[in-house]
Amino acid sequence: MKRSLTSFFAMMTLATAEAAGAQAFELKSPDIAEGQKIDMKHVYDSFGCTGANISPELVWTDPPAGTKSFAVLMHDPDAPTGGAGFWHWLVVDIPADARGLKRGAGDASSKNLPAGAHHLENDFGDKSYGGPCPPPGKPHRYVITVYALKTDKIGDAGKGRTAIAGFTINANALAKASLTGVFGR
């Protein structure tokens, strides 16, 4: 019994040491600081908002082993949509060797996306980035999440249905990392 307990504690110590040495999958942006106000250059330019609608630069590090592609989603959980929130940006099929998206990658031309990556339709009805534009009142949170996926391609998951795209991405996720900015008017 003593030997098995010693072996158990040795294995637990090794597992803890390995976990402590492992880097965490992380998302950062030089354009959006965690919990801070999103700059007008990233705000939508319609529905009463007058921003430049330029997608922020994103950088991620230390994806898990086995990552075959990435997806990036931007969601406003505070949108008054009966609980569904509002999807502002969906990018899929980002190659496994990518470590970020350039500022402006959300342009409808897709020319600034990594080769093979493409946009899915957001809740504005566009295949591009659609920046924050909440109704006047309380500021909203905008959660940007990068997903490390166990599949090479998501393709046109959902065919315009953001809930199905989100389900497909989550079903294939090995890990995810998020960043939250805020904006109000």
C-alpha atoms as a PDB file:
ATOM      1  CA  MET A   1       0.000   0.000   0.000  1.00  0.00           C
ATOM      2  CA  LYS A   2       2.797   2.393   0.933  1.00  0.00           C
ATOM      3  CA  ARG A   3       4.508   1.773  -2.425  1.00  0.00           C
ATOM      4  CA  SER A   4       1.323   2.501  -4.407  1.00  0.00           C
ATOM      5  CA  LEU A   5       0.747   5.734  -2.460  1.00  0.00           C
ATOM      6  CA  THR A   6       4.341   6.768  -3.096  1.00  0.00           C
ATOM      7  CA  SER A   7       3.902   6.013  -6.809  1.00  0.00           C
ATOM      8  CA  PHE A   8       0.615   7.937  -6.867  1.00  0.00           C
ATOM      9  CA  PHE A   9       2.169  11.037  -5.267  1.00  0.00           C
ATOM     10  CA  ALA A  10       5.184  10.823  -7.581  1.00  0.00           C
ATOM     11  CA  MET A  11       2.872  10.743 -10.625  1.00  0.00           C
ATOM     12  CA  MET A  12       0.830  13.674  -9.274  1.00  0.00           C
ATOM     13  CA  THR A  13       3.988  15.704  -8.648  1.00  0.00           C
ATOM     14  CA  LEU A  14       5.212  14.999 -12.183  1.00  0.00           C
ATOM     15  CA  ALA A  15       1.829  15.896 -13.696  1.00  0.00           C
ATOM     16  CA  THR A  16       1.720  19.141 -11.711  1.00  0.00           C
ATOM     17  CA  ALA A  17       5.267  20.048 -12.785  1.00  0.00           C
ATOM     18  CA  GLU A  18       4.445  19.317 -16.436  1.00  0.00           C
ATOM     19  CA  ALA A  19       1.286  21.425 -16.230  1.00  0.00           C
ATOM     20  CA  ALA A  20       3.172  24.299 -14.591  1.00  0.00           C
ATOM     21  CA  GLY A  21       5.772  24.232 -17.364  1.00  0.00           C
ATOM     22  CA  ALA A  22       3.179  24.155 -20.120  1.00  0.00           C
ATOM     23  CA  GLN A  23       2.319  27.477 -21.691  1.00  0.00           C
ATOM     24  CA  ALA A  24      -1.321  28.535 -21.824  1.00  0.00           C
ATOM     25  CA  PHE A  25      -3.091  29.233 -25.113  1.00  0.00           C
ATOM     26  CA  GLU A  26      -3.471  33.016 -25.018  1.00  0.00           C
ATOM     27  CA  LEU A  27      -5.067  35.795 -27.106  1.00  0.00           C
ATOM     28  CA  LYS A  28      -3.866  39.408 -27.082  1.00  0.00           C
ATOM     29  CA  SER A  29      -4.355  42.492 -29.202  1.00  0.00           C
ATOM     30  CA  PRO A  30      -2.330  45.685 -29.558  1.00  0.00           C
ATOM     31  CA  ASP A  31      -5.666  47.357 -30.426  1.00  0.00           C
ATOM     32  CA  ILE A  32      -7.938  46.181 -27.593  1.00  0.00           C
ATOM     33  CA  ALA A  33      -6.897  45.992 -23.956  1.00  0.00           C
ATOM     34  CA  GLU A  34      -8.758  43.496 -21.753  1.00  0.00           C
ATOM     35  CA  GLY A  35     -11.835  45.143 -20.233  1.00  0.00           C
ATOM     36  CA  GLN A  36     -11.106  48.532 -21.807  1.00  0.00           C
ATOM     37  CA  LYS A  37     -13.047  50.741 -24.233  1.00  0.00           C
ATOM     38  CA  ILE A  38     -12.790  49.821 -27.910  1.00  0.00           C
ATOM     39  CA  ASP A  39     -11.429  52.640 -30.089  1.00  0.00           C
ATOM     40  CA  MET A  40     -13.673  54.291 -32.716  1.00  0.00           C
ATOM     41  CA  LYS A  41     -11.511  52.905 -35.533  1.00  0.00           C
ATOM     42  CA  HIS A  42     -12.980  49.458 -34.693  1.00  0.00           C
ATOM     43  CA  VAL A  43     -16.620  50.632 -34.320  1.00  0.00           C
ATOM     44  CA  TYR A  44     -19.254  49.942 -37.003  1.00  0.00           C
ATOM     45  CA  ASP A  45     -20.164  52.679 -39.498  1.00  0.00           C
ATOM     46  CA  SER A  46     -23.961  52.371 -39.690  1.00  0.00           C
ATOM     47  CA  PHE A  47     -27.051  52.097 -37.454  1.00  0.00           C
ATOM     48  CA  GLY A  48     -26.151  55.476 -35.927  1.00  0.00           C
ATOM     49  CA  CYS A  49     -22.492  54.599 -35.285  1.00  0.00           C
ATOM     50  CA  THR A  50     -19.704  56.476 -37.052  1.00  0.00           C
ATOM     51  CA  GLY A  51     -16.584  54.349 -36.628  1.00  0.00           C
ATOM     52  CA  ALA A  52     -14.083  53.211 -39.245  1.00  0.00           C
ATOM     53  CA  ASN A  53     -15.133  49.520 -38.911  1.00  0.00           C
ATOM     54  CA  ILE A  54     -11.563  48.206 -39.057  1.00  0.00           C
ATOM     55  CA  SER A  55     -11.054  44.808 -37.413  1.00  0.00           C
ATOM     56  CA  PRO A  56      -8.447  44.762 -34.627  1.00  0.00           C
ATOM     57  CA  GLU A  57      -5.089  43.045 -34.864  1.00  0.00           C
ATOM     58  CA  LEU A  58      -5.084  39.762 -32.934  1.00  0.00           C
ATOM     59  CA  VAL A  59      -2.136  37.665 -31.759  1.00  0.00           C
ATOM     60  CA  TRP A  60      -2.303  34.206 -30.169  1.00  0.00           C
ATOM     61  CA  THR A  61       0.381  32.038 -28.631  1.00  0.00           C
ATOM     62  CA  ASP A  62       0.947  28.458 -27.531  1.00  0.00           C
ATOM     63  CA  PRO A  63      -1.883  26.544 -29.216  1.00  0.00           C
ATOM     64  CA  PRO A  64      -2.266  22.965 -28.030  1.00  0.00           C
ATOM     65  CA  ALA A  65      -0.623  20.024 -29.772  1.00  0.00           C
ATOM     66  CA  GLY A  66      -2.825  18.624 -32.506  1.00  0.00           C
ATOM     67  CA  THR A  67      -4.171  22.005 -33.648  1.00  0.00           C
ATOM     68  CA  LYS A  68      -5.066  21.729 -37.338  1.00  0.00           C
ATOM     69  CA  SER A  69      -6.725  25.138 -37.829  1.00  0.00           C
ATOM     70  CA  PHE A  70      -8.153  28.131 -35.964  1.00  0.00           C
ATOM     71  CA  ALA A  71     -11.435  30.043 -35.905  1.00  0.00           C
ATOM     72  CA  VAL A  72     -12.024  33.561 -34.551  1.00  0.00           C
ATOM     73  CA  LEU A  73     -15.433  34.710 -33.350  1.00  0.00           C
ATOM     74  CA  MET A  74     -16.542  38.094 -31.962  1.00  0.00           C
ATOM     75  CA  HIS A  75     -19.777  38.152 -29.977  1.00  0.00           C
ATOM     76  CA  ASP A  76     -21.785  40.760 -28.040  1.00  0.00           C
ATOM     77  CA  PRO A  77     -23.535  38.826 -25.242  1.00  0.00           C
ATOM     78  CA  ASP A  78     -25.301  42.025 -24.085  1.00  0.00           C
ATOM     79  CA  ALA A  79     -27.231  42.675 -27.312  1.00  0.00           C
ATOM     80  CA  PRO A  80     -30.991  42.938 -26.727  1.00  0.00           C
ATOM     81  CA  THR A  81     -31.847  39.914 -28.856  1.00  0.00           C
ATOM     82  CA  GLY A  82     -33.753  37.789 -26.359  1.00  0.00           C
ATOM     83  CA  GLY A  83     -30.635  36.090 -25.024  1.00  0.00           C
ATOM     84  CA  ALA A  84     -28.871  35.142 -28.268  1.00  0.00           C
ATOM     85  CA  GLY A  85     -26.471  38.068 -28.291  1.00  0.00           C
ATOM     86  CA  PHE A  86     -25.077  39.346 -31.587  1.00  0.00           C
ATOM     87  CA  TRP A  87     -22.291  37.843 -33.734  1.00  0.00           C
ATOM     88  CA  HIS A  88     -19.989  40.519 -35.183  1.00  0.00           C
ATOM     89  CA  TRP A  89     -17.229  38.465 -36.789  1.00  0.00           C
ATOM     90  CA  LEU A  90     -16.641  34.831 -37.750  1.00  0.00           C
ATOM     91  CA  VAL A  91     -13.412  33.708 -39.442  1.00  0.00           C
ATOM     92  CA  VAL A  92     -12.737  30.011 -40.079  1.00  0.00           C
ATOM     93  CA  ASP A  93     -10.173  27.760 -41.736  1.00  0.00           C
ATOM     94  CA  ILE A  94      -7.249  29.828 -40.451  1.00  0.00           C
ATOM     95  CA  PRO A  95      -4.143  27.656 -41.038  1.00  0.00           C
ATOM     96  CA  ALA A  96      -2.512  25.934 -38.059  1.00  0.00           C
ATOM     97  CA  ASP A  97       0.747  27.865 -38.529  1.00  0.00           C
ATOM     98  CA  ALA A  98      -0.989  31.268 -38.205  1.00  0.00           C
ATOM     99  CA  ARG A  99      -0.434  33.139 -34.943  1.00  0.00           C
ATOM    100  CA  GLY A 100      -2.797  36.021 -35.494  1.00  0.00           C
ATOM    101  CA  LEU A 101      -4.820  38.227 -37.790  1.00  0.00           C
ATOM    102  CA  LYS A 102      -3.610  41.569 -39.118  1.00  0.00           C
ATOM    103  CA  ARG A 103      -5.482  44.786 -38.399  1.00  0.00           C
ATOM    104  CA  GLY A 104      -8.029  45.083 -41.209  1.00  0.00           C
ATOM    105  CA  ALA A 105      -8.227  41.316 -41.850  1.00  0.00           C
ATOM    106  CA  GLY A 106     -11.997  41.599 -41.419  1.00  0.00           C
ATOM    107  CA  ASP A 107     -12.392  43.504 -44.692  1.00  0.00           C
ATOM    108  CA  ALA A 108     -14.997  41.914 -46.991  1.00  0.00           C
ATOM    109  CA  SER A 109     -12.355  41.397 -49.693  1.00  0.00           C
ATOM    110  CA  SER A 110     -10.613  38.864 -47.395  1.00  0.00           C
ATOM    111  CA  LYS A 111      -7.292  39.972 -48.929  1.00  0.00           C
ATOM    112  CA  ASN A 112      -5.707  40.396 -45.465  1.00  0.00           C
ATOM    113  CA  LEU A 113      -6.725  36.956 -44.186  1.00  0.00           C
ATOM    114  CA  PRO A 114      -4.203  34.094 -44.128  1.00  0.00           C
ATOM    115  CA  ALA A 115      -4.366  31.875 -47.232  1.00  0.00           C
ATOM    116  CA  GLY A 116      -7.355  29.522 -47.042  1.00  0.00           C
ATOM    117  CA  ALA A 117      -9.171  31.420 -44.285  1.00  0.00           C
ATOM    118  CA  HIS A 118     -12.576  32.957 -44.936  1.00  0.00           C
ATOM    119  CA  HIS A 119     -15.419  34.817 -43.242  1.00  0.00           C
ATOM    120  CA  LEU A 120     -18.784  33.359 -42.362  1.00  0.00           C
ATOM    121  CA  GLU A 121     -21.858  35.582 -42.354  1.00  0.00           C
ATOM    122  CA  ASN A 122     -22.237  37.738 -39.223  1.00  0.00           C
ATOM    123  CA  ASP A 123     -25.516  38.968 -37.742  1.00  0.00           C
ATOM    124  CA  PHE A 124     -25.331  42.121 -39.882  1.00  0.00           C
ATOM    125  CA  GLY A 125     -25.705  39.737 -42.846  1.00  0.00           C
ATOM    126  CA  ASP A 126     -22.164  40.381 -44.104  1.00  0.00           C
ATOM    127  CA  LYS A 127     -19.199  38.073 -44.640  1.00  0.00           C
ATOM    128  CA  SER A 128     -16.792  40.466 -42.946  1.00  0.00           C
ATOM    129  CA  TYR A 129     -16.034  42.177 -39.649  1.00  0.00           C
ATOM    130  CA  GLY A 130     -18.853  44.304 -38.225  1.00  0.00           C
ATOM    131  CA  GLY A 131     -17.656  46.418 -35.324  1.00  0.00           C
ATOM    132  CA  PRO A 132     -19.442  47.345 -32.108  1.00  0.00           C
ATOM    133  CA  CYS A 133     -22.594  49.439 -32.381  1.00  0.00           C
ATOM    134  CA  PRO A 134     -24.836  48.912 -29.376  1.00  0.00           C
ATOM    135  CA  PRO A 135     -28.026  50.882 -28.832  1.00  0.00           C
ATOM    136  CA  PRO A 136     -27.559  54.045 -26.736  1.00  0.00           C
ATOM    137  CA  GLY A 137     -27.315  53.314 -23.025  1.00  0.00           C
ATOM    138  CA  LYS A 138     -25.253  50.837 -21.078  1.00  0.00           C
ATOM    139  CA  PRO A 139     -21.899  49.800 -22.660  1.00  0.00           C
ATOM    140  CA  HIS A 140     -21.763  46.292 -24.114  1.00  0.00           C
ATOM    141  CA  ARG A 141     -19.043  43.648 -23.872  1.00  0.00           C
ATOM    142  CA  TYR A 142     -17.441  42.377 -27.075  1.00  0.00           C
ATOM    143  CA  VAL A 143     -15.844  38.974 -26.597  1.00  0.00           C
ATOM    144  CA  ILE A 144     -13.272  37.926 -29.195  1.00  0.00           C
ATOM    145  CA  THR A 145     -12.363  34.248 -28.987  1.00  0.00           C
ATOM    146  CA  VAL A 146      -9.796  32.248 -30.927  1.00  0.00           C
ATOM    147  CA  TYR A 147     -10.446  28.510 -31.091  1.00  0.00           C
ATOM    148  CA  ALA A 148      -7.718  25.930 -31.724  1.00  0.00           C
ATOM    149  CA  LEU A 149      -9.461  23.227 -33.755  1.00  0.00           C
ATOM    150  CA  LYS A 150      -8.836  19.521 -34.289  1.00  0.00           C
ATOM    151  CA  THR A 151      -9.980  19.738 -37.924  1.00  0.00           C
ATOM    152  CA  ASP A 152      -8.365  21.317 -40.989  1.00  0.00           C
ATOM    153  CA  LYS A 153     -11.557  22.902 -42.293  1.00  0.00           C
ATOM    154  CA  ILE A 154     -14.882  24.066 -40.921  1.00  0.00           C
ATOM    155  CA  GLY A 155     -15.912  25.322 -44.357  1.00  0.00           C
ATOM    156  CA  ASP A 156     -19.267  27.051 -44.595  1.00  0.00           C
ATOM    157  CA  ALA A 157     -20.484  25.619 -41.287  1.00  0.00           C
ATOM    158  CA  GLY A 158     -23.977  26.808 -40.619  1.00  0.00           C
ATOM    159  CA  LYS A 159     -24.465  28.312 -44.083  1.00  0.00           C
ATOM    160  CA  GLY A 160     -25.387  31.689 -42.595  1.00  0.00           C
ATOM    161  CA  ARG A 161     -26.639  30.353 -39.251  1.00  0.00           C
ATOM    162  CA  THR A 162     -24.336  31.675 -36.545  1.00  0.00           C
ATOM    163  CA  ALA A 163     -25.646  29.269 -33.892  1.00  0.00           C
ATOM    164  CA  ILE A 164     -24.810  26.248 -36.074  1.00  0.00           C
ATOM    165  CA  ALA A 165     -21.389  27.686 -36.926  1.00  0.00           C
ATOM    166  CA  GLY A 166     -20.730  28.223 -33.212  1.00  0.00           C
ATOM    167  CA  PHE A 167     -21.862  24.685 -32.425  1.00  0.00           C
ATOM    168  CA  THR A 168     -19.586  23.212 -35.113  1.00  0.00           C
ATOM    169  CA  ILE A 169     -16.601  25.262 -33.957  1.00  0.00           C
ATOM    170  CA  ASN A 170     -17.125  24.353 -30.292  1.00  0.00           C
ATOM    171  CA  ALA A 171     -17.547  20.663 -31.183  1.00  0.00           C
ATOM    172  CA  ASN A 172     -14.108  20.719 -32.835  1.00  0.00           C
ATOM    173  CA  ALA A 173     -12.303  22.897 -30.274  1.00  0.00           C
ATOM    174  CA  LEU A 174      -9.166  21.663 -28.543  1.00  0.00           C
ATOM    175  CA  ALA A 175      -8.818  24.960 -26.653  1.00  0.00           C
ATOM    176  CA  LYS A 176      -9.968  28.557 -26.744  1.00  0.00           C
ATOM    177  CA  ALA A 177      -8.664  31.917 -25.571  1.00  0.00           C
ATOM    178  CA  SER A 178     -10.682  35.122 -25.242  1.00  0.00           C
ATOM    179  CA  LEU A 179     -10.284  38.873 -24.976  1.00  0.00           C
ATOM    180  CA  THR A 180     -13.108  41.238 -23.989  1.00  0.00           C
ATOM    181  CA  GLY A 181     -13.412  44.912 -24.912  1.00  0.00           C
ATOM    182  CA  VAL A 182     -16.296  47.268 -24.131  1.00  0.00           C
ATOM    183  CA  PHE A 183     -18.103  49.959 -26.064  1.00  0.00           C
ATOM    184  CA  GLY A 184     -21.138  52.131 -25.401  1.00  0.00           C
ATOM    185  CA  ARG A 185     -22.791  55.240 -26.766  1.00  0.00           C
END
